[in-house]
Amino acid sequence: MTKADIVAVIAEETGLERNEVQKTVEAFMATIKDSLTKGENVYLRGFGSFVVKERAEKTGRNISKNTTIIIPAHNIPSFKPAKTFVEDVKTKVAVK
């Protein structure tokens, strides 16, 4: 499912104009991105949490040059689904 598909479904279910739904979805995503950029986690009860994870500095290898490189410490965004979300997916998703 793409962002356009999500916008279409929400517009159909709510009866709102697609362009209004598009603006809302874009604003929602921008708000989450801005919060994570500031180091603030986002918690959506019953859905999940968008959190910033800290990765420690580590040693890696450049296999094409056969050299060791240092990968600096950095932050990455992560999503952790809520328990109810996980249970719904476990019980309701058809195996392909």
PDB file of N, CA and C in Angstrom:
ATOM      1  N   MET A   1       0.844  -1.174   0.000  1.00  0.00           N
ATOM      2  CA  MET A   1       0.000   0.000   0.000  1.00  0.00           C
ATOM      3  C   MET A   1       0.887   1.234   0.000  1.00  0.00           C
ATOM      4  N   THR A   2       0.568   2.163  -0.865  1.00  0.00           N
ATOM      5  CA  THR A   2       1.346   3.392  -0.977  1.00  0.00           C
ATOM      6  C   THR A   2       0.636   4.540  -0.252  1.00  0.00           C
ATOM      7  N   LYS A   3       1.323   5.684  -0.176  1.00  0.00           N
ATOM      8  CA  LYS A   3       0.716   6.863   0.445  1.00  0.00           C
ATOM      9  C   LYS A   3      -0.544   7.271  -0.316  1.00  0.00           C
ATOM     10  N   ALA A   4      -0.504   7.171  -1.641  1.00  0.00           N
ATOM     11  CA  ALA A   4      -1.680   7.511  -2.455  1.00  0.00           C
ATOM     12  C   ALA A   4      -2.848   6.578  -2.147  1.00  0.00           C
ATOM     13  N   ASP A   5      -2.555   5.304  -1.929  1.00  0.00           N
ATOM     14  CA  ASP A   5      -3.603   4.343  -1.566  1.00  0.00           C
ATOM     15  C   ASP A   5      -4.211   4.689  -0.208  1.00  0.00           C
ATOM     16  N   ILE A   6      -3.356   5.057   0.733  1.00  0.00           N
ATOM     17  CA  ILE A   6      -3.839   5.441   2.065  1.00  0.00           C
ATOM     18  C   ILE A   6      -4.743   6.660   1.964  1.00  0.00           C
ATOM     19  N   VAL A   7      -4.325   7.655   1.197  1.00  0.00           N
ATOM     20  CA  VAL A   7      -5.125   8.866   1.014  1.00  0.00           C
ATOM     21  C   VAL A   7      -6.472   8.510   0.397  1.00  0.00           C
ATOM     22  N   ALA A   8      -6.477   7.651  -0.597  1.00  0.00           N
ATOM     23  CA  ALA A   8      -7.721   7.266  -1.266  1.00  0.00           C
ATOM     24  C   ALA A   8      -8.674   6.557  -0.309  1.00  0.00           C
ATOM     25  N   VAL A   9      -8.155   5.644   0.504  1.00  0.00           N
ATOM     26  CA  VAL A   9      -9.002   4.903   1.450  1.00  0.00           C
ATOM     27  C   VAL A   9      -9.582   5.846   2.499  1.00  0.00           C
ATOM     28  N   ILE A  10      -8.749   6.721   3.054  1.00  0.00           N
ATOM     29  CA  ILE A  10      -9.231   7.654   4.081  1.00  0.00           C
ATOM     30  C   ILE A  10     -10.269   8.598   3.494  1.00  0.00           C
ATOM     31  N   ALA A  11     -10.030   9.092   2.289  1.00  0.00           N
ATOM     32  CA  ALA A  11     -10.987   9.996   1.641  1.00  0.00           C
ATOM     33  C   ALA A  11     -12.324   9.305   1.427  1.00  0.00           C
ATOM     34  N   GLU A  12     -12.278   8.055   1.022  1.00  0.00           N
ATOM     35  CA  GLU A  12     -13.512   7.310   0.784  1.00  0.00           C
ATOM     36  C   GLU A  12     -14.257   7.031   2.085  1.00  0.00           C
ATOM     37  N   GLU A  13     -13.532   6.659   3.127  1.00  0.00           N
ATOM     38  CA  GLU A  13     -14.167   6.323   4.410  1.00  0.00           C
ATOM     39  C   GLU A  13     -14.728   7.540   5.134  1.00  0.00           C
ATOM     40  N   THR A  14     -14.072   8.693   4.982  1.00  0.00           N
ATOM     41  CA  THR A  14     -14.509   9.877   5.723  1.00  0.00           C
ATOM     42  C   THR A  14     -15.376  10.823   4.901  1.00  0.00           C
ATOM     43  N   GLY A  15     -15.327  10.689   3.582  1.00  0.00           N
ATOM     44  CA  GLY A  15     -16.080  11.593   2.733  1.00  0.00           C
ATOM     45  C   GLY A  15     -15.402  12.939   2.527  1.00  0.00           C
ATOM     46  N   LEU A  16     -14.155  13.046   2.962  1.00  0.00           N
ATOM     47  CA  LEU A  16     -13.403  14.287   2.783  1.00  0.00           C
ATOM     48  C   LEU A  16     -12.776  14.325   1.391  1.00  0.00           C
ATOM     49  N   GLU A  17     -12.418  15.531   0.958  1.00  0.00           N
ATOM     50  CA  GLU A  17     -11.751  15.694  -0.328  1.00  0.00           C
ATOM     51  C   GLU A  17     -10.357  15.076  -0.265  1.00  0.00           C
ATOM     52  N   ARG A  18      -9.929  14.503  -1.383  1.00  0.00           N
ATOM     53  CA  ARG A  18      -8.614  13.866  -1.424  1.00  0.00           C
ATOM     54  C   ARG A  18      -7.478  14.837  -1.118  1.00  0.00           C
ATOM     55  N   ASN A  19      -7.574  16.074  -1.635  1.00  0.00           N
ATOM     56  CA  ASN A  19      -6.480  17.020  -1.395  1.00  0.00           C
ATOM     57  C   ASN A  19      -6.376  17.391   0.082  1.00  0.00           C
ATOM     58  N   GLU A  20      -7.494  17.443   0.795  1.00  0.00           N
ATOM     59  CA  GLU A  20      -7.471  17.726   2.234  1.00  0.00           C
ATOM     60  C   GLU A  20      -6.851  16.556   2.997  1.00  0.00           C
ATOM     61  N   VAL A  21      -7.226  15.357   2.597  1.00  0.00           N
ATOM     62  CA  VAL A  21      -6.657  14.166   3.239  1.00  0.00           C
ATOM     63  C   VAL A  21      -5.158  14.107   2.954  1.00  0.00           C
ATOM     64  N   GLN A  22      -4.766  14.433   1.722  1.00  0.00           N
ATOM     65  CA  GLN A  22      -3.353  14.442   1.338  1.00  0.00           C
ATOM     66  C   GLN A  22      -2.566  15.399   2.230  1.00  0.00           C
ATOM     67  N   LYS A  23      -3.098  16.604   2.442  1.00  0.00           N
ATOM     68  CA  LYS A  23      -2.433  17.589   3.299  1.00  0.00           C
ATOM     69  C   LYS A  23      -2.315  17.071   4.728  1.00  0.00           C
ATOM     70  N   THR A  24      -3.369  16.409   5.213  1.00  0.00           N
ATOM     71  CA  THR A  24      -3.364  15.883   6.571  1.00  0.00           C
ATOM     72  C   THR A  24      -2.323  14.783   6.739  1.00  0.00           C
ATOM     73  N   VAL A  25      -2.277  13.864   5.797  1.00  0.00           N
ATOM     74  CA  VAL A  25      -1.304  12.774   5.860  1.00  0.00           C
ATOM     75  C   VAL A  25       0.118  13.328   5.785  1.00  0.00           C
ATOM     76  N   GLU A  26       0.349  14.283   4.901  1.00  0.00           N
ATOM     77  CA  GLU A  26       1.674  14.909   4.780  1.00  0.00           C
ATOM     78  C   GLU A  26       2.060  15.617   6.083  1.00  0.00           C
ATOM     79  N   ALA A  27       1.106  16.330   6.695  1.00  0.00           N
ATOM     80  CA  ALA A  27       1.378  17.033   7.948  1.00  0.00           C
ATOM     81  C   ALA A  27       1.669  16.043   9.070  1.00  0.00           C
ATOM     82  N   PHE A  28       0.937  14.935   9.098  1.00  0.00           N
ATOM     83  CA  PHE A  28       1.152  13.886  10.110  1.00  0.00           C
ATOM     84  C   PHE A  28       2.581  13.339   9.996  1.00  0.00           C
ATOM     85  N   MET A  29       2.989  13.005   8.772  1.00  0.00           N
ATOM     86  CA  MET A  29       4.324  12.447   8.571  1.00  0.00           C
ATOM     87  C   MET A  29       5.409  13.478   8.883  1.00  0.00           C
ATOM     88  N   ALA A  30       5.189  14.729   8.511  1.00  0.00           N
ATOM     89  CA  ALA A  30       6.163  15.782   8.788  1.00  0.00           C
ATOM     90  C   ALA A  30       6.309  16.008  10.293  1.00  0.00           C
ATOM     91  N   THR A  31       5.205  15.936  11.019  1.00  0.00           N
ATOM     92  CA  THR A  31       5.241  16.120  12.466  1.00  0.00           C
ATOM     93  C   THR A  31       6.041  15.010  13.132  1.00  0.00           C
ATOM     94  N   ILE A  32       5.827  13.775  12.707  1.00  0.00           N
ATOM     95  CA  ILE A  32       6.586  12.652  13.263  1.00  0.00           C
ATOM     96  C   ILE A  32       8.065  12.816  12.940  1.00  0.00           C
ATOM     97  N   LYS A  33       8.370  13.156  11.699  1.00  0.00           N
ATOM     98  CA  LYS A  33       9.767  13.332  11.283  1.00  0.00           C
ATOM     99  C   LYS A  33      10.431  14.447  12.082  1.00  0.00           C
ATOM    100  N   ASP A  34       9.740  15.572  12.260  1.00  0.00           N
ATOM    101  CA  ASP A  34      10.293  16.694  13.027  1.00  0.00           C
ATOM    102  C   ASP A  34      10.550  16.308  14.479  1.00  0.00           C
ATOM    103  N   SER A  35       9.615  15.571  15.073  1.00  0.00           N
ATOM    104  CA  SER A  35       9.785  15.151  16.465  1.00  0.00           C
ATOM    105  C   SER A  35      10.996  14.234  16.616  1.00  0.00           C
ATOM    106  N   LEU A  36      11.141  13.283  15.705  1.00  0.00           N
ATOM    107  CA  LEU A  36      12.281  12.368  15.773  1.00  0.00           C
ATOM    108  C   LEU A  36      13.593  13.102  15.519  1.00  0.00           C
ATOM    109  N   THR A  37      13.573  14.087  14.627  1.00  0.00           N
ATOM    110  CA  THR A  37      14.760  14.879  14.345  1.00  0.00           C
ATOM    111  C   THR A  37      15.211  15.640  15.590  1.00  0.00           C
ATOM    112  N   LYS A  38      14.265  16.060  16.413  1.00  0.00           N
ATOM    113  CA  LYS A  38      14.573  16.772  17.663  1.00  0.00           C
ATOM    114  C   LYS A  38      14.947  15.811  18.788  1.00  0.00           C
ATOM    115  N   GLY A  39      14.871  14.500  18.531  1.00  0.00           N
ATOM    116  CA  GLY A  39      15.189  13.514  19.562  1.00  0.00           C
ATOM    117  C   GLY A  39      14.001  13.140  20.428  1.00  0.00           C
ATOM    118  N   GLU A  40      12.807  13.567  20.043  1.00  0.00           N
ATOM    119  CA  GLU A  40      11.594  13.256  20.801  1.00  0.00           C
ATOM    120  C   GLU A  40      10.921  12.021  20.203  1.00  0.00           C
ATOM    121  N   ASN A  41      10.542  11.078  21.058  1.00  0.00           N
ATOM    122  CA  ASN A  41       9.838   9.892  20.599  1.00  0.00           C
ATOM    123  C   ASN A  41       8.352  10.201  20.428  1.00  0.00           C
ATOM    124  N   VAL A  42       7.675   9.447  19.564  1.00  0.00           N
ATOM    125  CA  VAL A  42       6.250   9.635  19.301  1.00  0.00           C
ATOM    126  C   VAL A  42       5.529   8.347  19.690  1.00  0.00           C
ATOM    127  N   TYR A  43       4.556   8.443  20.597  1.00  0.00           N
ATOM    128  CA  TYR A  43       3.806   7.284  21.076  1.00  0.00           C
ATOM    129  C   TYR A  43       2.355   7.399  20.634  1.00  0.00           C
ATOM    130  N   LEU A  44       1.883   6.412  19.885  1.00  0.00           N
ATOM    131  CA  LEU A  44       0.496   6.361  19.428  1.00  0.00           C
ATOM    132  C   LEU A  44      -0.147   5.118  20.039  1.00  0.00           C
ATOM    133  N   ARG A  45      -0.922   5.327  21.093  1.00  0.00           N
ATOM    134  CA  ARG A  45      -1.517   4.220  21.843  1.00  0.00           C
ATOM    135  C   ARG A  45      -2.339   3.311  20.927  1.00  0.00           C
ATOM    136  N   GLY A  46      -2.090   2.014  21.022  1.00  0.00           N
ATOM    137  CA  GLY A  46      -2.810   1.040  20.227  1.00  0.00           C
ATOM    138  C   GLY A  46      -2.231   0.837  18.837  1.00  0.00           C
ATOM    139  N   PHE A  47      -1.270   1.680  18.446  1.00  0.00           N
ATOM    140  CA  PHE A  47      -0.650   1.570  17.127  1.00  0.00           C
ATOM    141  C   PHE A  47       0.827   1.224  17.257  1.00  0.00           C
ATOM    142  N   GLY A  48       1.575   2.077  17.949  1.00  0.00           N
ATOM    143  CA  GLY A  48       2.994   1.816  18.139  1.00  0.00           C
ATOM    144  C   GLY A  48       3.766   3.066  18.492  1.00  0.00           C
ATOM    145  N   SER A  49       5.082   2.921  18.535  1.00  0.00           N
ATOM    146  CA  SER A  49       5.957   4.018  18.921  1.00  0.00           C
ATOM    147  C   SER A  49       7.026   4.235  17.864  1.00  0.00           C
ATOM    148  N   PHE A  50       7.225   5.488  17.517  1.00  0.00           N
ATOM    149  CA  PHE A  50       8.341   5.882  16.669  1.00  0.00           C
ATOM    150  C   PHE A  50       9.406   6.393  17.628  1.00  0.00           C
ATOM    151  N   VAL A  51      10.560   5.748  17.652  1.00  0.00           N
ATOM    152  CA  VAL A  51      11.600   6.105  18.610  1.00  0.00           C
ATOM    153  C   VAL A  51      12.926   6.325  17.891  1.00  0.00           C
ATOM    154  N   VAL A  52      13.808   7.073  18.549  1.00  0.00           N
ATOM    155  CA  VAL A  52      15.157   7.299  18.053  1.00  0.00           C
ATOM    156  C   VAL A  52      16.068   6.331  18.800  1.00  0.00           C
ATOM    157  N   LYS A  53      16.782   5.493  18.047  1.00  0.00           N
ATOM    158  CA  LYS A  53      17.727   4.553  18.649  1.00  0.00           C
ATOM    159  C   LYS A  53      19.136   5.062  18.423  1.00  0.00           C
ATOM    160  N   GLU A  54      19.959   4.898  19.452  1.00  0.00           N
ATOM    161  CA  GLU A  54      21.352   5.310  19.365  1.00  0.00           C
ATOM    162  C   GLU A  54      22.209   4.101  19.015  1.00  0.00           C
ATOM    163  N   ARG A  55      23.021   4.245  17.991  1.00  0.00           N
ATOM    164  CA  ARG A  55      23.945   3.187  17.600  1.00  0.00           C
ATOM    165  C   ARG A  55      25.343   3.597  18.064  1.00  0.00           C
ATOM    166  N   ALA A  56      26.035   2.684  18.733  1.00  0.00           N
ATOM    167  CA  ALA A  56      27.370   2.966  19.229  1.00  0.00           C
ATOM    168  C   ALA A  56      28.382   2.934  18.085  1.00  0.00           C
ATOM    169  N   GLU A  57      29.527   3.541  18.331  1.00  0.00           N
ATOM    170  CA  GLU A  57      30.613   3.472  17.351  1.00  0.00           C
ATOM    171  C   GLU A  57      31.062   2.022  17.225  1.00  0.00           C
ATOM    172  N   LYS A  58      31.388   1.605  16.006  1.00  0.00           N
ATOM    173  CA  LYS A  58      31.846   0.227  15.822  1.00  0.00           C
ATOM    174  C   LYS A  58      32.859   0.152  14.691  1.00  0.00           C
ATOM    175  N   THR A  59      33.539  -0.963  14.648  1.00  0.00           N
ATOM    176  CA  THR A  59      34.530  -1.214  13.616  1.00  0.00           C
ATOM    177  C   THR A  59      33.893  -2.025  12.509  1.00  0.00           C
ATOM    178  N   GLY A  60      34.088  -1.594  11.278  1.00  0.00           N
ATOM    179  CA  GLY A  60      33.559  -2.307  10.123  1.00  0.00           C
ATOM    180  C   GLY A  60      34.678  -2.625   9.155  1.00  0.00           C
ATOM    181  N   ARG A  61      34.328  -3.293   8.069  1.00  0.00           N
ATOM    182  CA  ARG A  61      35.329  -3.643   7.065  1.00  0.00           C
ATOM    183  C   ARG A  61      34.895  -3.164   5.697  1.00  0.00           C
ATOM    184  N   ASN A  62      35.836  -2.617   4.957  1.00  0.00           N
ATOM    185  CA  ASN A  62      35.633  -2.307   3.553  1.00  0.00           C
ATOM    186  C   ASN A  62      36.192  -3.513   2.802  1.00  0.00           C
ATOM    187  N   ILE A  63      35.307  -4.408   2.369  1.00  0.00           N
ATOM    188  CA  ILE A  63      35.780  -5.669   1.807  1.00  0.00           C
ATOM    189  C   ILE A  63      36.430  -5.513   0.438  1.00  0.00           C
ATOM    190  N   SER A  64      36.073  -4.444  -0.293  1.00  0.00           N
ATOM    191  CA  SER A  64      36.703  -4.264  -1.604  1.00  0.00           C
ATOM    192  C   SER A  64      38.168  -3.841  -1.480  1.00  0.00           C
ATOM    193  N   LYS A  65      38.516  -3.095  -0.428  1.00  0.00           N
ATOM    194  CA  LYS A  65      39.901  -2.662  -0.211  1.00  0.00           C
ATOM    195  C   LYS A  65      40.581  -3.459   0.891  1.00  0.00           C
ATOM    196  N   ASN A  66      39.816  -4.331   1.566  1.00  0.00           N
ATOM    197  CA  ASN A  66      40.316  -5.147   2.672  1.00  0.00           C
ATOM    198  C   ASN A  66      40.946  -4.278   3.764  1.00  0.00           C
ATOM    199  N   THR A  67      40.213  -3.233   4.161  1.00  0.00           N
ATOM    200  CA  THR A  67      40.677  -2.343   5.218  1.00  0.00           C
ATOM    201  C   THR A  67      39.623  -2.250   6.312  1.00  0.00           C
ATOM    202  N   THR A  68      40.076  -1.838   7.482  1.00  0.00           N
ATOM    203  CA  THR A  68      39.184  -1.634   8.615  1.00  0.00           C
ATOM    204  C   THR A  68      38.760  -0.167   8.640  1.00  0.00           C
ATOM    205  N   ILE A  69      37.465   0.078   8.905  1.00  0.00           N
ATOM    206  CA  ILE A  69      36.969   1.451   9.015  1.00  0.00           C
ATOM    207  C   ILE A  69      36.218   1.601  10.327  1.00  0.00           C
ATOM    208  N   ILE A  70      36.173   2.809  10.814  1.00  0.00           N
ATOM    209  CA  ILE A  70      35.418   3.112  12.031  1.00  0.00           C
ATOM    210  C   ILE A  70      34.087   3.719  11.608  1.00  0.00           C
ATOM    211  N   ILE A  71      33.007   3.105  12.044  1.00  0.00           N
ATOM    212  CA  ILE A  71      31.667   3.636  11.793  1.00  0.00           C
ATOM    213  C   ILE A  71      31.298   4.449  13.028  1.00  0.00           C
ATOM    214  N   PRO A  72      31.109   5.769  12.884  1.00  0.00           N
ATOM    215  CA  PRO A  72      30.854   6.610  14.060  1.00  0.00           C
ATOM    216  C   PRO A  72      29.490   6.324  14.690  1.00  0.00           C
ATOM    217  N   ALA A  73      29.343   6.726  15.941  1.00  0.00           N
ATOM    218  CA  ALA A  73      28.058   6.605  16.632  1.00  0.00           C
ATOM    219  C   ALA A  73      27.035   7.475  15.909  1.00  0.00           C
ATOM    220  N   HIS A  74      25.801   6.987  15.830  1.00  0.00           N
ATOM    221  CA  HIS A  74      24.755   7.742  15.139  1.00  0.00           C
ATOM    222  C   HIS A  74      23.385   7.326  15.649  1.00  0.00           C
ATOM    223  N   ASN A  75      22.392   8.118  15.303  1.00  0.00           N
ATOM    224  CA  ASN A  75      21.008   7.842  15.689  1.00  0.00           C
ATOM    225  C   ASN A  75      20.233   7.407  14.458  1.00  0.00           C
ATOM    226  N   ILE A  76      19.267   6.471  14.667  1.00  0.00           N
ATOM    227  CA  ILE A  76      18.412   6.040  13.572  1.00  0.00           C
ATOM    228  C   ILE A  76      16.966   6.000  14.059  1.00  0.00           C
ATOM    229  N   PRO A  77      16.011   6.274  13.163  1.00  0.00           N
ATOM    230  CA  PRO A  77      14.601   6.156  13.549  1.00  0.00           C
ATOM    231  C   PRO A  77      14.190   4.688  13.548  1.00  0.00           C
ATOM    232  N   SER A  78      13.240   4.354  14.412  1.00  0.00           N
ATOM    233  CA  SER A  78      12.763   2.984  14.507  1.00  0.00           C
ATOM    234  C   SER A  78      11.277   3.005  14.859  1.00  0.00           C
ATOM    235  N   PHE A  79      10.572   1.942  14.485  1.00  0.00           N
ATOM    236  CA  PHE A  79       9.155   1.807  14.825  1.00  0.00           C
ATOM    237  C   PHE A  79       8.957   0.522  15.595  1.00  0.00           C
ATOM    238  N   LYS A  80       8.248   0.608  16.722  1.00  0.00           N
ATOM    239  CA  LYS A  80       7.918  -0.573  17.517  1.00  0.00           C
ATOM    240  C   LYS A  80       6.406  -0.644  17.611  1.00  0.00           C
ATOM    241  N   PRO A  81       5.797  -1.662  16.988  1.00  0.00           N
ATOM    242  CA  PRO A  81       4.340  -1.753  17.028  1.00  0.00           C
ATOM    243  C   PRO A  81       3.824  -2.094  18.428  1.00  0.00           C
ATOM    244  N   ALA A  82       2.595  -1.656  18.709  1.00  0.00           N
ATOM    245  CA  ALA A  82       1.948  -1.960  19.984  1.00  0.00           C
ATOM    246  C   ALA A  82       1.592  -3.443  20.035  1.00  0.00           C
ATOM    247  N   LYS A  83       1.460  -3.983  21.233  1.00  0.00           N
ATOM    248  CA  LYS A  83       1.145  -5.412  21.395  1.00  0.00           C
ATOM    249  C   LYS A  83      -0.155  -5.781  20.694  1.00  0.00           C
ATOM    250  N   THR A  84      -1.168  -4.928  20.793  1.00  0.00           N
ATOM    251  CA  THR A  84      -2.444  -5.240  20.147  1.00  0.00           C
ATOM    252  C   THR A  84      -2.295  -5.242  18.634  1.00  0.00           C
ATOM    253  N   PHE A  85      -1.470  -4.370  18.110  1.00  0.00           N
ATOM    254  CA  PHE A  85      -1.191  -4.309  16.677  1.00  0.00           C
ATOM    255  C   PHE A  85      -0.540  -5.626  16.230  1.00  0.00           C
ATOM    256  N   VAL A  86       0.459  -6.072  16.975  1.00  0.00           N
ATOM    257  CA  VAL A  86       1.166  -7.308  16.647  1.00  0.00           C
ATOM    258  C   VAL A  86       0.207  -8.495  16.688  1.00  0.00           C
ATOM    259  N   GLU A  87      -0.619  -8.559  17.714  1.00  0.00           N
ATOM    260  CA  GLU A  87      -1.566  -9.672  17.833  1.00  0.00           C
ATOM    261  C   GLU A  87      -2.566  -9.681  16.690  1.00  0.00           C
ATOM    262  N   ASP A  88      -3.057  -8.500  16.289  1.00  0.00           N
ATOM    263  CA  ASP A  88      -3.982  -8.435  15.159  1.00  0.00           C
ATOM    264  C   ASP A  88      -3.341  -8.957  13.883  1.00  0.00           C
ATOM    265  N   VAL A  89      -2.102  -8.569  13.661  1.00  0.00           N
ATOM    266  CA  VAL A  89      -1.417  -9.018  12.444  1.00  0.00           C
ATOM    267  C   VAL A  89      -1.153 -10.520  12.501  1.00  0.00           C
ATOM    268  N   LYS A  90      -0.784 -11.023  13.660  1.00  0.00           N
ATOM    269  CA  LYS A  90      -0.521 -12.460  13.793  1.00  0.00           C
ATOM    270  C   LYS A  90      -1.751 -13.288  13.505  1.00  0.00           C
ATOM    271  N   THR A  91      -2.891 -12.836  13.973  1.00  0.00           N
ATOM    272  CA  THR A  91      -4.110 -13.649  13.855  1.00  0.00           C
ATOM    273  C   THR A  91      -4.907 -13.419  12.594  1.00  0.00           C
ATOM    274  N   LYS A  92      -4.712 -12.271  11.928  1.00  0.00           N
ATOM    275  CA  LYS A  92      -5.598 -11.938  10.809  1.00  0.00           C
ATOM    276  C   LYS A  92      -4.932 -11.934   9.444  1.00  0.00           C
ATOM    277  N   VAL A  93      -3.623 -11.985   9.365  1.00  0.00           N
ATOM    278  CA  VAL A  93      -2.961 -11.938   8.066  1.00  0.00           C
ATOM    279  C   VAL A  93      -2.987 -13.317   7.425  1.00  0.00           C
ATOM    280  N   ALA A  94      -3.438 -13.358   6.161  1.00  0.00           N
ATOM    281  CA  ALA A  94      -3.456 -14.617   5.428  1.00  0.00           C
ATOM    282  C   ALA A  94      -2.054 -14.915   4.911  1.00  0.00           C
ATOM    283  N   VAL A  95      -1.642 -16.159   5.046  1.00  0.00           N
ATOM    284  CA  VAL A  95      -0.321 -16.575   4.574  1.00  0.00           C
ATOM    285  C   VAL A  95      -0.385 -16.745   3.069  1.00  0.00           C
ATOM    286  N   LYS A  96       0.600 -16.164   2.375  1.00  0.00           N
ATOM    287  CA  LYS A  96       0.639 -16.261   0.909  1.00  0.00           C
ATOM    288  C   LYS A  96       1.501 -17.380   0.455  1.00  0.00           C
TER     289      LYS A  96
END
